[in-house]
Amino acid sequence: MAIEAPPPTEGAGTAPVQPSTESFVRTQRSEEFGELRRAHRSFAFPLTVAFIAWYLLYVLLSNYAGGLMGTKVVGHVNVALVLGLAQFATTFLIAWFYARHAAAKLDPRADAIRGRMENEQRAEAGA
């Protein structure tokens, strides 16, 4: 059920602050932003490589190790099904780990950078 309502009105002084291009360039070159980028990359790149390797292992085993993948584990459930379901579990686990990592390490740093940029823009606009 959709409810039709007008968009919220913004009062005076609550409009979002848009930093200047120079502010973005200055921030991108800052050590603080470099640390944020390193914190993201040091988490995302290794997990991405590990997951791709795990996925390719599954594909290669499916193509070239049919006997192993067809081995029954319990009843009609074979190794291929177990590993295939493990792919889904791994995906959700990585997403959960990343959400925790972002909340603990990335978001506070990004919020601090954004706040600093907004304060600089307000100071420039007020001057």
N, C-alpha and C. Protein backbone atom coordinates (compact mmCIF):
# COMPACT_ATOMS: atom_id res chain seq x y z
N MET A 1 0.85 -1.15 0.00
CA MET A 1 0.00 0.00 0.00
C MET A 1 0.91 1.23 0.00
N ALA A 2 0.74 2.09 -0.99
CA ALA A 2 1.53 3.31 -1.10
C ALA A 2 0.80 4.45 -0.43
N ILE A 3 1.54 5.25 0.26
CA ILE A 3 0.97 6.43 0.90
C ILE A 3 1.55 7.63 0.18
N GLU A 4 0.67 8.48 -0.30
CA GLU A 4 1.15 9.67 -1.00
C GLU A 4 1.34 10.78 0.01
N ALA A 5 2.54 11.27 0.04
CA ALA A 5 2.86 12.37 0.94
C ALA A 5 3.87 13.26 0.23
N PRO A 6 3.81 14.54 0.48
CA PRO A 6 4.79 15.41 -0.15
C PRO A 6 6.17 15.15 0.43
N PRO A 7 7.21 15.46 -0.34
CA PRO A 7 8.56 15.28 0.20
C PRO A 7 8.77 16.21 1.39
N PRO A 8 9.65 15.84 2.30
CA PRO A 8 9.89 16.69 3.45
C PRO A 8 10.44 18.03 3.01
N THR A 9 10.02 19.06 3.67
CA THR A 9 10.53 20.40 3.36
C THR A 9 11.74 20.66 4.22
N GLU A 10 12.69 21.30 3.60
CA GLU A 10 13.91 21.60 4.33
C GLU A 10 13.85 23.04 4.79
N GLY A 11 14.11 23.24 6.06
CA GLY A 11 14.10 24.58 6.61
C GLY A 11 15.37 25.32 6.23
N ALA A 12 15.42 26.58 6.57
CA ALA A 12 16.59 27.39 6.27
C ALA A 12 17.80 26.84 7.02
N GLY A 13 18.90 26.73 6.33
CA GLY A 13 20.13 26.27 6.95
C GLY A 13 20.28 24.77 7.04
N THR A 14 19.31 24.00 6.57
CA THR A 14 19.44 22.55 6.64
C THR A 14 19.77 21.95 5.28
N ALA A 15 19.97 22.78 4.28
CA ALA A 15 20.32 22.27 2.95
C ALA A 15 21.69 21.60 3.03
N PRO A 16 21.87 20.52 2.29
CA PRO A 16 23.17 19.84 2.34
C PRO A 16 24.28 20.76 1.84
N VAL A 17 25.41 20.62 2.45
CA VAL A 17 26.57 21.42 2.08
C VAL A 17 27.32 20.68 1.00
N GLN A 18 27.62 21.38 -0.09
CA GLN A 18 28.37 20.76 -1.20
C GLN A 18 29.79 21.32 -1.19
N PRO A 19 30.77 20.50 -0.80
CA PRO A 19 32.15 20.97 -0.80
C PRO A 19 32.63 21.30 -2.22
N SER A 20 33.62 22.15 -2.29
CA SER A 20 34.18 22.56 -3.58
C SER A 20 35.07 21.46 -4.15
N THR A 21 35.39 21.59 -5.41
CA THR A 21 36.27 20.63 -6.07
C THR A 21 37.63 20.63 -5.39
N GLU A 22 38.12 21.80 -5.02
CA GLU A 22 39.42 21.91 -4.36
C GLU A 22 39.41 21.15 -3.03
N SER A 23 38.27 21.23 -2.34
CA SER A 23 38.14 20.52 -1.07
C SER A 23 38.20 19.01 -1.28
N PHE A 24 37.55 18.51 -2.35
CA PHE A 24 37.60 17.08 -2.65
C PHE A 24 39.03 16.65 -2.99
N VAL A 25 39.72 17.45 -3.79
CA VAL A 25 41.09 17.10 -4.18
C VAL A 25 42.00 17.12 -2.95
N ARG A 26 41.86 18.14 -2.10
CA ARG A 26 42.66 18.24 -0.88
C ARG A 26 42.41 17.03 0.02
N THR A 27 41.15 16.65 0.15
CA THR A 27 40.79 15.51 0.99
C THR A 27 41.35 14.21 0.42
N GLN A 28 41.25 14.06 -0.89
CA GLN A 28 41.74 12.84 -1.52
C GLN A 28 43.24 12.68 -1.32
N ARG A 29 43.95 13.77 -1.23
CA ARG A 29 45.41 13.71 -1.06
C ARG A 29 45.82 13.63 0.40
N SER A 30 44.88 13.74 1.31
CA SER A 30 45.21 13.75 2.74
C SER A 30 45.60 12.36 3.24
N GLU A 31 46.38 12.38 4.32
CA GLU A 31 46.79 11.12 4.95
C GLU A 31 45.58 10.39 5.53
N GLU A 32 44.64 11.15 6.06
CA GLU A 32 43.43 10.56 6.66
C GLU A 32 42.64 9.75 5.62
N PHE A 33 42.50 10.31 4.42
CA PHE A 33 41.79 9.60 3.35
C PHE A 33 42.59 8.38 2.89
N GLY A 34 43.92 8.53 2.85
CA GLY A 34 44.77 7.39 2.49
C GLY A 34 44.62 6.24 3.46
N GLU A 35 44.50 6.56 4.75
CA GLU A 35 44.30 5.52 5.76
C GLU A 35 42.94 4.83 5.58
N LEU A 36 41.92 5.62 5.25
CA LEU A 36 40.60 5.04 4.99
C LEU A 36 40.66 4.10 3.80
N ARG A 37 41.32 4.52 2.75
CA ARG A 37 41.42 3.69 1.55
C ARG A 37 42.20 2.41 1.84
N ARG A 38 43.30 2.53 2.61
CA ARG A 38 44.07 1.33 2.98
C ARG A 38 43.26 0.37 3.84
N ALA A 39 42.48 0.92 4.76
CA ALA A 39 41.64 0.06 5.63
C ALA A 39 40.63 -0.71 4.79
N HIS A 40 40.07 -0.06 3.78
CA HIS A 40 39.11 -0.74 2.91
C HIS A 40 39.82 -1.80 2.06
N ARG A 41 40.89 -1.40 1.42
CA ARG A 41 41.59 -2.33 0.52
C ARG A 41 42.20 -3.51 1.24
N SER A 42 42.72 -3.30 2.44
CA SER A 42 43.35 -4.41 3.16
C SER A 42 42.34 -5.47 3.57
N PHE A 43 41.07 -5.09 3.60
CA PHE A 43 40.02 -6.05 3.91
C PHE A 43 39.41 -6.62 2.64
N ALA A 44 39.04 -5.75 1.72
CA ALA A 44 38.28 -6.17 0.54
C ALA A 44 39.10 -7.00 -0.44
N PHE A 45 40.31 -6.60 -0.73
CA PHE A 45 41.08 -7.31 -1.74
C PHE A 45 41.42 -8.75 -1.35
N PRO A 46 41.95 -9.00 -0.14
CA PRO A 46 42.24 -10.40 0.21
C PRO A 46 40.99 -11.29 0.23
N LEU A 47 39.87 -10.76 0.75
CA LEU A 47 38.66 -11.57 0.77
C LEU A 47 38.13 -11.83 -0.63
N THR A 48 38.26 -10.85 -1.50
CA THR A 48 37.82 -11.04 -2.88
C THR A 48 38.66 -12.11 -3.57
N VAL A 49 39.96 -12.05 -3.40
CA VAL A 49 40.85 -13.05 -4.01
C VAL A 49 40.55 -14.43 -3.43
N ALA A 50 40.36 -14.51 -2.13
CA ALA A 50 40.07 -15.80 -1.50
C ALA A 50 38.75 -16.37 -2.00
N PHE A 51 37.72 -15.52 -2.13
CA PHE A 51 36.43 -16.03 -2.59
C PHE A 51 36.50 -16.47 -4.05
N ILE A 52 37.19 -15.72 -4.89
CA ILE A 52 37.32 -16.12 -6.30
C ILE A 52 38.07 -17.44 -6.40
N ALA A 53 39.12 -17.60 -5.60
CA ALA A 53 39.86 -18.88 -5.61
C ALA A 53 38.96 -20.03 -5.16
N TRP A 54 38.16 -19.80 -4.13
CA TRP A 54 37.24 -20.81 -3.62
C TRP A 54 36.20 -21.16 -4.67
N TYR A 55 35.68 -20.15 -5.36
CA TYR A 55 34.69 -20.38 -6.41
C TYR A 55 35.31 -21.16 -7.58
N LEU A 56 36.51 -20.75 -8.01
CA LEU A 56 37.17 -21.45 -9.11
C LEU A 56 37.51 -22.89 -8.74
N LEU A 57 37.88 -23.12 -7.48
CA LEU A 57 38.12 -24.49 -7.03
C LEU A 57 36.86 -25.34 -7.20
N TYR A 58 35.73 -24.78 -6.81
CA TYR A 58 34.46 -25.48 -6.96
C TYR A 58 34.17 -25.78 -8.44
N VAL A 59 34.38 -24.80 -9.29
CA VAL A 59 34.14 -25.00 -10.73
C VAL A 59 35.09 -26.05 -11.29
N LEU A 60 36.36 -25.97 -10.94
CA LEU A 60 37.33 -26.94 -11.45
C LEU A 60 37.03 -28.35 -10.94
N LEU A 61 36.68 -28.47 -9.67
CA LEU A 61 36.32 -29.79 -9.15
C LEU A 61 35.08 -30.33 -9.85
N SER A 62 34.12 -29.46 -10.13
CA SER A 62 32.91 -29.89 -10.82
C SER A 62 33.22 -30.39 -12.22
N ASN A 63 34.17 -29.75 -12.89
CA ASN A 63 34.50 -30.14 -14.26
C ASN A 63 35.44 -31.33 -14.35
N TYR A 64 36.42 -31.41 -13.44
CA TYR A 64 37.47 -32.39 -13.61
C TYR A 64 37.53 -33.47 -12.53
N ALA A 65 36.74 -33.35 -11.49
CA ALA A 65 36.76 -34.36 -10.43
C ALA A 65 35.33 -34.86 -10.18
N GLY A 66 34.70 -35.34 -11.24
CA GLY A 66 33.32 -35.81 -11.15
C GLY A 66 33.14 -36.92 -10.14
N GLY A 67 34.13 -37.79 -10.04
CA GLY A 67 34.04 -38.89 -9.08
C GLY A 67 34.00 -38.38 -7.66
N LEU A 68 34.86 -37.41 -7.34
CA LEU A 68 34.87 -36.83 -6.00
C LEU A 68 33.58 -36.08 -5.73
N MET A 69 33.15 -35.27 -6.68
CA MET A 69 31.96 -34.45 -6.48
C MET A 69 30.70 -35.30 -6.40
N GLY A 70 30.72 -36.47 -7.01
CA GLY A 70 29.56 -37.35 -6.97
C GLY A 70 29.51 -38.25 -5.75
N THR A 71 30.53 -38.18 -4.91
CA THR A 71 30.57 -39.00 -3.70
C THR A 71 29.42 -38.63 -2.77
N LYS A 72 28.68 -39.66 -2.37
CA LYS A 72 27.53 -39.45 -1.47
C LYS A 72 28.03 -39.12 -0.06
N VAL A 73 27.43 -38.12 0.53
CA VAL A 73 27.77 -37.74 1.91
C VAL A 73 26.73 -38.34 2.85
N VAL A 74 25.47 -38.03 2.60
CA VAL A 74 24.36 -38.55 3.39
C VAL A 74 23.19 -38.75 2.44
N GLY A 75 22.68 -39.94 2.34
CA GLY A 75 21.54 -40.21 1.47
C GLY A 75 21.84 -39.83 0.02
N HIS A 76 21.01 -38.94 -0.54
CA HIS A 76 21.23 -38.48 -1.92
C HIS A 76 22.04 -37.20 -1.99
N VAL A 77 22.55 -36.74 -0.88
CA VAL A 77 23.35 -35.51 -0.84
C VAL A 77 24.81 -35.87 -1.13
N ASN A 78 25.35 -35.24 -2.16
CA ASN A 78 26.74 -35.53 -2.53
C ASN A 78 27.64 -34.34 -2.22
N VAL A 79 28.94 -34.52 -2.44
CA VAL A 79 29.94 -33.50 -2.16
C VAL A 79 29.65 -32.23 -2.97
N ALA A 80 29.25 -32.37 -4.22
CA ALA A 80 28.96 -31.20 -5.07
C ALA A 80 27.87 -30.33 -4.46
N LEU A 81 26.81 -30.95 -3.96
CA LEU A 81 25.73 -30.18 -3.35
C LEU A 81 26.21 -29.47 -2.08
N VAL A 82 26.98 -30.17 -1.27
CA VAL A 82 27.48 -29.57 -0.03
C VAL A 82 28.38 -28.37 -0.36
N LEU A 83 29.29 -28.54 -1.31
CA LEU A 83 30.18 -27.43 -1.67
C LEU A 83 29.41 -26.29 -2.35
N GLY A 84 28.41 -26.62 -3.14
CA GLY A 84 27.59 -25.59 -3.77
C GLY A 84 26.84 -24.76 -2.74
N LEU A 85 26.27 -25.42 -1.75
CA LEU A 85 25.58 -24.69 -0.68
C LEU A 85 26.58 -23.89 0.17
N ALA A 86 27.79 -24.41 0.29
CA ALA A 86 28.83 -23.69 1.02
C ALA A 86 29.20 -22.38 0.31
N GLN A 87 29.04 -22.35 -1.02
CA GLN A 87 29.27 -21.11 -1.76
C GLN A 87 28.31 -20.02 -1.28
N PHE A 88 27.05 -20.38 -1.11
CA PHE A 88 26.06 -19.40 -0.62
C PHE A 88 26.40 -18.96 0.80
N ALA A 89 26.73 -19.93 1.64
CA ALA A 89 27.07 -19.60 3.03
C ALA A 89 28.28 -18.67 3.08
N THR A 90 29.27 -18.95 2.25
CA THR A 90 30.47 -18.11 2.21
C THR A 90 30.13 -16.69 1.78
N THR A 91 29.26 -16.56 0.80
CA THR A 91 28.86 -15.23 0.33
C THR A 91 28.22 -14.43 1.46
N PHE A 92 27.29 -15.02 2.17
CA PHE A 92 26.64 -14.32 3.27
C PHE A 92 27.61 -14.03 4.41
N LEU A 93 28.52 -14.95 4.67
CA LEU A 93 29.50 -14.75 5.72
C LEU A 93 30.43 -13.57 5.39
N ILE A 94 30.88 -13.49 4.15
CA ILE A 94 31.73 -12.38 3.74
C ILE A 94 30.98 -11.06 3.84
N ALA A 95 29.72 -11.04 3.42
CA ALA A 95 28.92 -9.82 3.52
C ALA A 95 28.77 -9.39 4.98
N TRP A 96 28.56 -10.34 5.86
CA TRP A 96 28.43 -10.04 7.29
C TRP A 96 29.74 -9.50 7.85
N PHE A 97 30.87 -10.16 7.51
CA PHE A 97 32.19 -9.69 7.95
C PHE A 97 32.45 -8.27 7.45
N TYR A 98 32.11 -8.02 6.18
CA TYR A 98 32.35 -6.69 5.63
C TYR A 98 31.50 -5.64 6.33
N ALA A 99 30.25 -5.94 6.62
CA ALA A 99 29.38 -4.99 7.31
C ALA A 99 29.95 -4.66 8.69
N ARG A 100 30.44 -5.65 9.40
CA ARG A 100 31.05 -5.41 10.71
C ARG A 100 32.32 -4.58 10.58
N HIS A 101 33.15 -4.93 9.59
CA HIS A 101 34.40 -4.19 9.36
C HIS A 101 34.10 -2.73 9.01
N ALA A 102 33.14 -2.52 8.12
CA ALA A 102 32.79 -1.16 7.70
C ALA A 102 32.26 -0.36 8.88
N ALA A 103 31.39 -0.95 9.68
CA ALA A 103 30.82 -0.23 10.82
C ALA A 103 31.88 0.12 11.85
N ALA A 104 32.84 -0.76 12.04
CA ALA A 104 33.85 -0.54 13.07
C ALA A 104 35.03 0.32 12.60
N LYS A 105 35.46 0.13 11.36
CA LYS A 105 36.70 0.77 10.91
C LYS A 105 36.50 1.83 9.83
N LEU A 106 35.58 1.60 8.90
CA LEU A 106 35.46 2.51 7.76
C LEU A 106 34.50 3.66 8.02
N ASP A 107 33.32 3.35 8.52
CA ASP A 107 32.30 4.39 8.69
C ASP A 107 32.74 5.52 9.62
N PRO A 108 33.36 5.24 10.77
CA PRO A 108 33.79 6.36 11.62
C PRO A 108 34.80 7.27 10.92
N ARG A 109 35.72 6.68 10.17
CA ARG A 109 36.71 7.49 9.45
C ARG A 109 36.05 8.30 8.34
N ALA A 110 35.15 7.67 7.62
CA ALA A 110 34.45 8.37 6.54
C ALA A 110 33.58 9.50 7.10
N ASP A 111 32.92 9.26 8.23
CA ASP A 111 32.10 10.30 8.86
C ASP A 111 32.96 11.48 9.29
N ALA A 112 34.14 11.19 9.84
CA ALA A 112 35.04 12.26 10.26
C ALA A 112 35.50 13.09 9.07
N ILE A 113 35.84 12.43 7.98
CA ILE A 113 36.27 13.14 6.77
C ILE A 113 35.13 13.99 6.23
N ARG A 114 33.94 13.42 6.14
CA ARG A 114 32.79 14.16 5.64
C ARG A 114 32.48 15.36 6.53
N GLY A 115 32.52 15.17 7.83
CA GLY A 115 32.26 16.27 8.75
C GLY A 115 33.27 17.39 8.60
N ARG A 116 34.54 17.02 8.44
CA ARG A 116 35.58 18.03 8.25
C ARG A 116 35.35 18.80 6.96
N MET A 117 34.99 18.09 5.90
CA MET A 117 34.74 18.75 4.62
C MET A 117 33.54 19.70 4.71
N GLU A 118 32.48 19.26 5.39
CA GLU A 118 31.30 20.10 5.54
C GLU A 118 31.61 21.34 6.37
N ASN A 119 32.41 21.17 7.43
CA ASN A 119 32.79 22.31 8.26
C ASN A 119 33.65 23.31 7.48
N GLU A 120 34.56 22.78 6.65
CA GLU A 120 35.38 23.67 5.82
C GLU A 120 34.51 24.46 4.86
N GLN A 121 33.52 23.79 4.27
CA GLN A 121 32.64 24.46 3.31
C GLN A 121 31.79 25.52 4.00
N ARG A 122 31.30 25.21 5.20
CA ARG A 122 30.52 26.20 5.94
C ARG A 122 31.37 27.42 6.28
N ALA A 123 32.62 27.14 6.68
CA ALA A 123 33.54 28.24 7.00
C ALA A 123 33.81 29.09 5.77
N GLU A 124 34.00 28.46 4.62
CA GLU A 124 34.24 29.21 3.38
C GLU A 124 33.01 30.02 2.98
N ALA A 125 31.82 29.42 3.16
CA ALA A 125 30.58 30.11 2.79
C ALA A 125 30.30 31.28 3.73
N GLY A 126 30.68 31.13 5.01
CA GLY A 126 30.43 32.19 5.99
C GLY A 126 31.44 33.31 5.89
N ALA A 127 32.59 33.05 5.30
CA ALA A 127 33.64 34.07 5.22
C ALA A 127 33.43 35.04 4.09
